[in-house]
Amino acid sequence: MTGKIRELNGEQKEKIAELRSITGAKIAEARIFLDEKIKQSGDRPEFAETVAEAKRAFQDDKERLERKLEEEIARVKEGR
């Protein structure tokens, strides 16, 4: 990577912290939903596919949220 590395100002730092907090809360909420689905299944074999789908959906959501967070952080760092 070429170019100068700019130091973030206070407003940018606050915005990034807020974005991370919001994303963390969304991921935690999704994790709670997943854990509840797993708990409800009671390890019964007939729910194995449902649990597997819920785990995949959680992972997809988590990755999507993390990508969005990184994009938003990049915009803040660029001053947009």
Protein backbone atom coordinates (compact mmCIF):
# COMPACT_ATOMS: atom_id res chain seq x y z
CA MET A 1 0.00 0.00 0.00
CA THR A 2 1.38 3.39 -0.94
CA GLY A 3 0.55 6.82 0.37
CA LYS A 4 0.42 8.47 3.73
CA ILE A 5 -1.28 6.90 6.68
CA ARG A 6 -3.50 9.54 8.26
CA GLU A 7 -4.21 9.56 11.94
CA LEU A 8 -7.90 9.37 12.76
CA ASN A 9 -9.53 12.33 14.42
CA GLY A 10 -11.76 12.02 17.48
CA GLU A 11 -14.98 12.07 15.48
CA GLN A 12 -13.76 9.27 13.22
CA LYS A 13 -12.69 7.18 16.21
CA GLU A 14 -16.10 7.65 17.83
CA LYS A 15 -17.92 6.71 14.64
CA ILE A 16 -15.81 3.58 14.18
CA ALA A 17 -16.39 2.58 17.81
CA GLU A 18 -20.14 3.09 17.31
CA LEU A 19 -20.13 1.00 14.12
CA ARG A 20 -18.24 -1.81 15.87
CA SER A 21 -20.63 -1.70 18.81
CA ILE A 22 -23.72 -1.86 16.61
CA THR A 23 -22.28 -4.70 14.54
CA GLY A 24 -21.24 -6.58 17.65
CA ALA A 25 -24.76 -6.27 19.04
CA LYS A 26 -26.30 -7.53 15.80
CA ILE A 27 -23.96 -10.53 15.76
CA ALA A 28 -24.70 -11.25 19.43
CA GLU A 29 -28.43 -11.10 18.73
CA ALA A 30 -28.06 -13.53 15.85
CA ARG A 31 -25.96 -15.82 18.06
CA ILE A 32 -28.65 -15.80 20.76
CA PHE A 33 -31.24 -16.73 18.13
CA LEU A 34 -29.03 -19.60 16.94
CA ASP A 35 -28.40 -20.83 20.48
CA GLU A 36 -32.16 -20.80 21.14
CA LYS A 37 -32.79 -22.90 18.00
CA ILE A 38 -30.13 -25.38 19.09
CA LYS A 39 -31.60 -25.52 22.59
CA GLN A 40 -35.09 -26.08 21.23
CA SER A 41 -33.89 -28.96 19.08
CA GLY A 42 -32.77 -30.86 22.17
CA ASP A 43 -30.20 -32.76 20.10
CA ARG A 44 -33.01 -34.69 18.45
CA PRO A 45 -31.92 -36.20 15.14
CA GLU A 46 -35.05 -35.03 13.34
CA PHE A 47 -33.91 -31.42 13.86
CA ALA A 48 -30.32 -31.95 12.75
CA GLU A 49 -30.90 -30.37 9.32
CA THR A 50 -32.77 -27.43 10.81
CA VAL A 51 -29.91 -26.77 13.22
CA ALA A 52 -27.35 -27.12 10.42
CA GLU A 53 -29.30 -24.59 8.32
CA ALA A 54 -29.51 -22.21 11.27
CA LYS A 55 -25.74 -22.48 11.80
CA ARG A 56 -25.09 -21.77 8.11
CA ALA A 57 -27.47 -18.81 8.18
CA PHE A 58 -25.75 -17.44 11.28
CA GLN A 59 -22.31 -17.77 9.68
CA ASP A 60 -23.55 -16.10 6.48
CA ASP A 61 -25.12 -13.24 8.45
CA LYS A 62 -22.00 -12.81 10.57
CA GLU A 63 -19.75 -12.66 7.52
CA ARG A 64 -22.11 -10.21 5.78
CA LEU A 65 -22.19 -7.95 8.84
CA GLU A 66 -18.40 -8.06 9.19
CA ARG A 67 -17.92 -7.17 5.50
CA LYS A 68 -20.36 -4.30 5.84
CA LEU A 69 -18.53 -3.10 8.96
CA GLU A 70 -15.18 -3.10 7.18
CA GLU A 71 -16.69 -1.15 4.26
CA GLU A 72 -18.22 1.40 6.63
CA ILE A 73 -14.94 1.76 8.55
CA ALA A 74 -13.09 2.33 5.27
CA ARG A 75 -15.56 5.11 4.36
CA VAL A 76 -15.07 6.76 7.75
CA LYS A 77 -11.30 6.59 7.39
CA GLU A 78 -11.57 8.14 3.93
CA GLY A 79 -13.62 10.96 5.38
CA ARG A 80 -16.85 10.07 3.60
